[in-house]
Amino acid sequence: MITSAIGDSKALQAIQNTPVQPNGAEMLSASEGFEKILNGLGANAFEALRTGEATAIAAIEGKASTQQAVMATMEAEKSLQAALAIRDKVVSAFLEISRMQI
C-alpha cells in the first residue's frame, strides 16, 4: 500500500510537470478525454481484480505468501470500490440531468 501511494505521488508529479501543448494534434475533445480517463480507470480496476484473484489462488496452492494474497485482495477491493463510486456518480448525474426541465 505504501509503495502504491509513492508510485501514485510520482505519477501525479509527472503529470503536473508535463507542459500543456495546445497544438491540434495533441488536443482531445472533452468527450474523448473523459472517455479515455474512464477506459483507463476501468482497465486498471479490472487488472487489479484479476491480479488479486490470481494471487489468492496462488496462495491457496502454496505458491504465494499470505501477505501477498491479502495485499492483492485489498488492492482489488479498493479498485472495485472506486469503480463503484464512479458508477454511482455517473448514474446520479444522469438522473439529475433527466429531471431537468427543458
N, C-alpha and C. Protein backbone atom coordinates (compact mmCIF):
# COMPACT_ATOMS: atom_id res chain seq x y z
N MET A 1 0.81 -1.18 0.00
CA MET A 1 0.00 0.00 0.00
C MET A 1 0.87 1.26 0.00
N ILE A 2 1.95 1.23 0.77
CA ILE A 2 2.85 2.39 0.81
C ILE A 2 3.51 2.57 -0.55
N THR A 3 3.91 1.47 -1.17
CA THR A 3 4.57 1.60 -2.47
C THR A 3 3.61 2.11 -3.53
N SER A 4 2.33 1.72 -3.44
CA SER A 4 1.38 2.24 -4.43
C SER A 4 1.13 3.73 -4.21
N ALA A 5 1.15 4.18 -2.95
CA ALA A 5 0.98 5.61 -2.68
C ALA A 5 2.18 6.40 -3.18
N ILE A 6 3.38 5.83 -3.02
CA ILE A 6 4.58 6.50 -3.52
C ILE A 6 4.54 6.56 -5.04
N GLY A 7 4.14 5.46 -5.68
CA GLY A 7 4.03 5.45 -7.13
C GLY A 7 3.00 6.44 -7.63
N ASP A 8 1.87 6.54 -6.92
CA ASP A 8 0.83 7.49 -7.31
C ASP A 8 1.33 8.92 -7.20
N SER A 9 2.09 9.24 -6.14
CA SER A 9 2.58 10.61 -5.99
C SER A 9 3.61 10.93 -7.07
N LYS A 10 4.43 9.97 -7.46
CA LYS A 10 5.39 10.20 -8.54
C LYS A 10 4.67 10.40 -9.85
N ALA A 11 3.62 9.62 -10.09
CA ALA A 11 2.84 9.78 -11.32
C ALA A 11 2.15 11.14 -11.33
N LEU A 12 1.64 11.55 -10.18
CA LEU A 12 0.98 12.86 -10.08
C LEU A 12 1.97 13.98 -10.36
N GLN A 13 3.17 13.88 -9.82
CA GLN A 13 4.19 14.90 -10.07
C GLN A 13 4.56 14.93 -11.55
N ALA A 14 4.65 13.77 -12.17
CA ALA A 14 5.00 13.73 -13.60
C ALA A 14 3.91 14.39 -14.43
N ILE A 15 2.66 14.15 -14.07
CA ILE A 15 1.55 14.77 -14.80
C ILE A 15 1.54 16.27 -14.59
N GLN A 16 1.78 16.71 -13.36
CA GLN A 16 1.76 18.14 -13.07
C GLN A 16 2.90 18.87 -13.76
N ASN A 17 4.04 18.21 -13.96
CA ASN A 17 5.20 18.85 -14.57
C ASN A 17 5.19 18.77 -16.10
N THR A 18 4.22 18.05 -16.66
CA THR A 18 4.13 17.92 -18.11
C THR A 18 3.53 19.19 -18.69
N PRO A 19 4.23 19.83 -19.64
CA PRO A 19 3.67 21.05 -20.23
C PRO A 19 2.46 20.74 -21.10
N VAL A 20 1.52 21.65 -21.10
CA VAL A 20 0.32 21.51 -21.92
C VAL A 20 0.64 22.00 -23.32
N GLN A 21 0.37 21.16 -24.31
CA GLN A 21 0.65 21.52 -25.69
C GLN A 21 -0.67 21.82 -26.39
N PRO A 22 -0.88 23.07 -26.78
CA PRO A 22 -2.17 23.43 -27.37
C PRO A 22 -2.28 23.16 -28.86
N ASN A 23 -1.35 22.44 -29.48
CA ASN A 23 -1.45 22.20 -30.91
C ASN A 23 -2.59 21.23 -31.20
N GLY A 24 -3.11 21.25 -32.42
CA GLY A 24 -4.28 20.47 -32.78
C GLY A 24 -4.06 18.97 -32.73
N ALA A 25 -2.83 18.51 -32.93
CA ALA A 25 -2.57 17.08 -32.95
C ALA A 25 -2.74 16.45 -31.57
N GLU A 26 -2.43 17.19 -30.52
CA GLU A 26 -2.48 16.65 -29.17
C GLU A 26 -3.79 16.96 -28.44
N MET A 27 -4.61 17.82 -28.98
CA MET A 27 -5.83 18.21 -28.29
C MET A 27 -6.90 17.14 -28.48
N LEU A 28 -7.61 16.87 -27.40
CA LEU A 28 -8.74 15.96 -27.44
C LEU A 28 -10.00 16.74 -27.12
N SER A 29 -11.09 16.31 -27.68
CA SER A 29 -12.34 16.94 -27.28
C SER A 29 -12.66 16.51 -25.85
N ALA A 30 -13.57 17.20 -25.23
CA ALA A 30 -13.90 16.89 -23.83
C ALA A 30 -14.42 15.47 -23.70
N SER A 31 -15.24 15.03 -24.65
CA SER A 31 -15.79 13.67 -24.55
C SER A 31 -14.71 12.61 -24.78
N GLU A 32 -13.76 12.87 -25.69
CA GLU A 32 -12.68 11.91 -25.92
C GLU A 32 -11.79 11.80 -24.69
N GLY A 33 -11.49 12.94 -24.07
CA GLY A 33 -10.65 12.92 -22.87
C GLY A 33 -11.33 12.20 -21.73
N PHE A 34 -12.62 12.46 -21.53
CA PHE A 34 -13.37 11.81 -20.47
C PHE A 34 -13.49 10.32 -20.72
N GLU A 35 -13.73 9.96 -21.98
CA GLU A 35 -13.83 8.55 -22.34
C GLU A 35 -12.50 7.83 -22.10
N LYS A 36 -11.41 8.50 -22.45
CA LYS A 36 -10.09 7.92 -22.26
C LYS A 36 -9.80 7.69 -20.77
N ILE A 37 -10.19 8.65 -19.94
CA ILE A 37 -9.98 8.53 -18.49
C ILE A 37 -10.79 7.37 -17.93
N LEU A 38 -12.07 7.29 -18.31
CA LEU A 38 -12.92 6.21 -17.80
C LEU A 38 -12.44 4.84 -18.29
N ASN A 39 -12.00 4.76 -19.53
CA ASN A 39 -11.47 3.49 -20.03
C ASN A 39 -10.22 3.08 -19.26
N GLY A 40 -9.35 4.04 -18.97
CA GLY A 40 -8.14 3.75 -18.20
C GLY A 40 -8.46 3.29 -16.79
N LEU A 41 -9.43 3.95 -16.16
CA LEU A 41 -9.82 3.55 -14.80
C LEU A 41 -10.43 2.16 -14.80
N GLY A 42 -11.25 1.88 -15.80
CA GLY A 42 -11.86 0.55 -15.89
C GLY A 42 -10.82 -0.53 -16.12
N ALA A 43 -9.88 -0.26 -16.98
CA ALA A 43 -8.83 -1.24 -17.26
C ALA A 43 -7.97 -1.48 -16.02
N ASN A 44 -7.64 -0.41 -15.30
CA ASN A 44 -6.84 -0.56 -14.07
C ASN A 44 -7.59 -1.35 -13.02
N ALA A 45 -8.88 -1.08 -12.86
CA ALA A 45 -9.68 -1.81 -11.87
C ALA A 45 -9.78 -3.28 -12.25
N PHE A 46 -10.00 -3.56 -13.53
CA PHE A 46 -10.09 -4.95 -13.99
C PHE A 46 -8.78 -5.68 -13.76
N GLU A 47 -7.67 -5.02 -14.05
CA GLU A 47 -6.35 -5.64 -13.85
C GLU A 47 -6.09 -5.92 -12.37
N ALA A 48 -6.48 -4.99 -11.50
CA ALA A 48 -6.30 -5.19 -10.06
C ALA A 48 -7.14 -6.37 -9.57
N LEU A 49 -8.37 -6.50 -10.07
CA LEU A 49 -9.22 -7.63 -9.70
C LEU A 49 -8.62 -8.95 -10.18
N ARG A 50 -8.13 -8.94 -11.41
CA ARG A 50 -7.53 -10.16 -11.96
C ARG A 50 -6.27 -10.55 -11.17
N THR A 51 -5.45 -9.58 -10.82
CA THR A 51 -4.23 -9.85 -10.06
C THR A 51 -4.57 -10.36 -8.67
N GLY A 52 -5.56 -9.74 -8.03
CA GLY A 52 -5.97 -10.19 -6.70
C GLY A 52 -6.47 -11.62 -6.72
N GLU A 53 -7.27 -11.96 -7.72
CA GLU A 53 -7.78 -13.32 -7.83
C GLU A 53 -6.66 -14.31 -8.08
N ALA A 54 -5.75 -13.97 -8.97
CA ALA A 54 -4.63 -14.87 -9.28
C ALA A 54 -3.73 -15.07 -8.06
N THR A 55 -3.49 -14.01 -7.31
CA THR A 55 -2.65 -14.12 -6.13
C THR A 55 -3.33 -14.94 -5.04
N ALA A 56 -4.64 -14.79 -4.89
CA ALA A 56 -5.38 -15.59 -3.91
C ALA A 56 -5.33 -17.07 -4.27
N ILE A 57 -5.47 -17.39 -5.54
CA ILE A 57 -5.39 -18.78 -5.98
C ILE A 57 -3.98 -19.33 -5.76
N ALA A 58 -2.97 -18.49 -6.05
CA ALA A 58 -1.58 -18.91 -5.84
C ALA A 58 -1.31 -19.16 -4.35
N ALA A 59 -1.93 -18.36 -3.48
CA ALA A 59 -1.74 -18.54 -2.04
C ALA A 59 -2.40 -19.85 -1.59
N ILE A 60 -3.55 -20.17 -2.14
CA ILE A 60 -4.22 -21.42 -1.79
C ILE A 60 -3.37 -22.61 -2.23
N GLU A 61 -2.71 -22.49 -3.37
CA GLU A 61 -1.84 -23.55 -3.87
C GLU A 61 -0.49 -23.57 -3.18
N GLY A 62 -0.21 -22.57 -2.34
CA GLY A 62 1.06 -22.51 -1.63
C GLY A 62 2.17 -21.85 -2.41
N LYS A 63 1.85 -21.19 -3.51
CA LYS A 63 2.87 -20.55 -4.34
C LYS A 63 3.09 -19.08 -3.99
N ALA A 64 2.23 -18.51 -3.16
CA ALA A 64 2.36 -17.11 -2.75
C ALA A 64 2.13 -17.04 -1.24
N SER A 65 2.71 -16.03 -0.62
CA SER A 65 2.55 -15.88 0.82
C SER A 65 1.17 -15.30 1.15
N THR A 66 0.80 -15.45 2.40
CA THR A 66 -0.48 -14.91 2.85
C THR A 66 -0.49 -13.40 2.74
N GLN A 67 0.64 -12.79 3.05
CA GLN A 67 0.73 -11.33 2.98
C GLN A 67 0.50 -10.85 1.54
N GLN A 68 1.08 -11.51 0.57
CA GLN A 68 0.88 -11.13 -0.83
C GLN A 68 -0.59 -11.27 -1.22
N ALA A 69 -1.22 -12.34 -0.76
CA ALA A 69 -2.63 -12.56 -1.09
C ALA A 69 -3.51 -11.48 -0.47
N VAL A 70 -3.23 -11.13 0.78
CA VAL A 70 -4.02 -10.09 1.45
C VAL A 70 -3.82 -8.74 0.79
N MET A 71 -2.58 -8.40 0.46
CA MET A 71 -2.31 -7.11 -0.18
C MET A 71 -2.98 -7.02 -1.55
N ALA A 72 -2.90 -8.08 -2.33
CA ALA A 72 -3.53 -8.07 -3.65
C ALA A 72 -5.05 -8.00 -3.54
N THR A 73 -5.61 -8.70 -2.56
CA THR A 73 -7.05 -8.67 -2.35
C THR A 73 -7.51 -7.29 -1.91
N MET A 74 -6.75 -6.66 -1.02
CA MET A 74 -7.10 -5.31 -0.56
C MET A 74 -7.00 -4.31 -1.70
N GLU A 75 -6.00 -4.44 -2.55
CA GLU A 75 -5.86 -3.56 -3.71
C GLU A 75 -7.03 -3.74 -4.67
N ALA A 76 -7.43 -4.99 -4.87
CA ALA A 76 -8.58 -5.27 -5.74
C ALA A 76 -9.86 -4.68 -5.14
N GLU A 77 -10.02 -4.81 -3.84
CA GLU A 77 -11.20 -4.25 -3.17
C GLU A 77 -11.24 -2.73 -3.30
N LYS A 78 -10.08 -2.10 -3.15
CA LYS A 78 -10.00 -0.65 -3.28
C LYS A 78 -10.36 -0.21 -4.70
N SER A 79 -9.88 -0.93 -5.69
CA SER A 79 -10.20 -0.61 -7.08
C SER A 79 -11.68 -0.79 -7.38
N LEU A 80 -12.25 -1.86 -6.84
CA LEU A 80 -13.67 -2.12 -7.06
C LEU A 80 -14.52 -1.04 -6.39
N GLN A 81 -14.16 -0.63 -5.18
CA GLN A 81 -14.90 0.44 -4.50
C GLN A 81 -14.82 1.75 -5.28
N ALA A 82 -13.66 2.05 -5.83
CA ALA A 82 -13.51 3.27 -6.63
C ALA A 82 -14.36 3.20 -7.89
N ALA A 83 -14.36 2.05 -8.55
CA ALA A 83 -15.17 1.89 -9.77
C ALA A 83 -16.66 2.02 -9.45
N LEU A 84 -17.09 1.46 -8.34
CA LEU A 84 -18.50 1.57 -7.95
C LEU A 84 -18.87 3.01 -7.59
N ALA A 85 -17.97 3.71 -6.94
CA ALA A 85 -18.24 5.11 -6.60
C ALA A 85 -18.37 5.97 -7.86
N ILE A 86 -17.51 5.72 -8.84
CA ILE A 86 -17.58 6.46 -10.10
C ILE A 86 -18.89 6.13 -10.82
N ARG A 87 -19.24 4.86 -10.84
CA ARG A 87 -20.51 4.46 -11.48
C ARG A 87 -21.69 5.15 -10.80
N ASP A 88 -21.69 5.19 -9.47
CA ASP A 88 -22.78 5.83 -8.74
C ASP A 88 -22.88 7.32 -9.08
N LYS A 89 -21.73 7.98 -9.20
CA LYS A 89 -21.73 9.40 -9.55
C LYS A 89 -22.25 9.63 -10.97
N VAL A 90 -21.87 8.77 -11.90
CA VAL A 90 -22.34 8.90 -13.28
C VAL A 90 -23.85 8.69 -13.34
N VAL A 91 -24.35 7.68 -12.65
CA VAL A 91 -25.80 7.42 -12.64
C VAL A 91 -26.53 8.58 -11.98
N SER A 92 -25.99 9.10 -10.89
CA SER A 92 -26.60 10.24 -10.21
C SER A 92 -26.65 11.47 -11.12
N ALA A 93 -25.57 11.72 -11.84
CA ALA A 93 -25.54 12.86 -12.77
C ALA A 93 -26.55 12.66 -13.90
N PHE A 94 -26.66 11.43 -14.41
CA PHE A 94 -27.63 11.16 -15.46
C PHE A 94 -29.05 11.38 -14.96
N LEU A 95 -29.35 10.91 -13.76
CA LEU A 95 -30.69 11.09 -13.20
C LEU A 95 -31.00 12.57 -12.97
N GLU A 96 -30.01 13.31 -12.54
CA GLU A 96 -30.19 14.75 -12.32
C GLU A 96 -30.47 15.46 -13.63
N ILE A 97 -29.75 15.11 -14.66
CA ILE A 97 -29.97 15.72 -15.99
C ILE A 97 -31.35 15.33 -16.52
N SER A 98 -31.75 14.10 -16.31
CA SER A 98 -33.06 13.65 -16.82
C SER A 98 -34.22 14.35 -16.10
N ARG A 99 -33.99 14.84 -14.89
CA ARG A 99 -35.04 15.54 -14.15
C ARG A 99 -35.15 17.01 -14.52
N MET A 100 -34.16 17.53 -15.24
CA MET A 100 -34.18 18.94 -15.62
C MET A 100 -35.32 19.23 -16.59
N GLN A 101 -35.90 20.39 -16.41
CA GLN A 101 -36.97 20.81 -17.33
C GLN A 101 -36.35 21.45 -18.56
N ILE A 102 -36.95 21.16 -19.67
CA ILE A 102 -36.44 21.71 -20.93
C ILE A 102 -37.25 22.93 -21.33
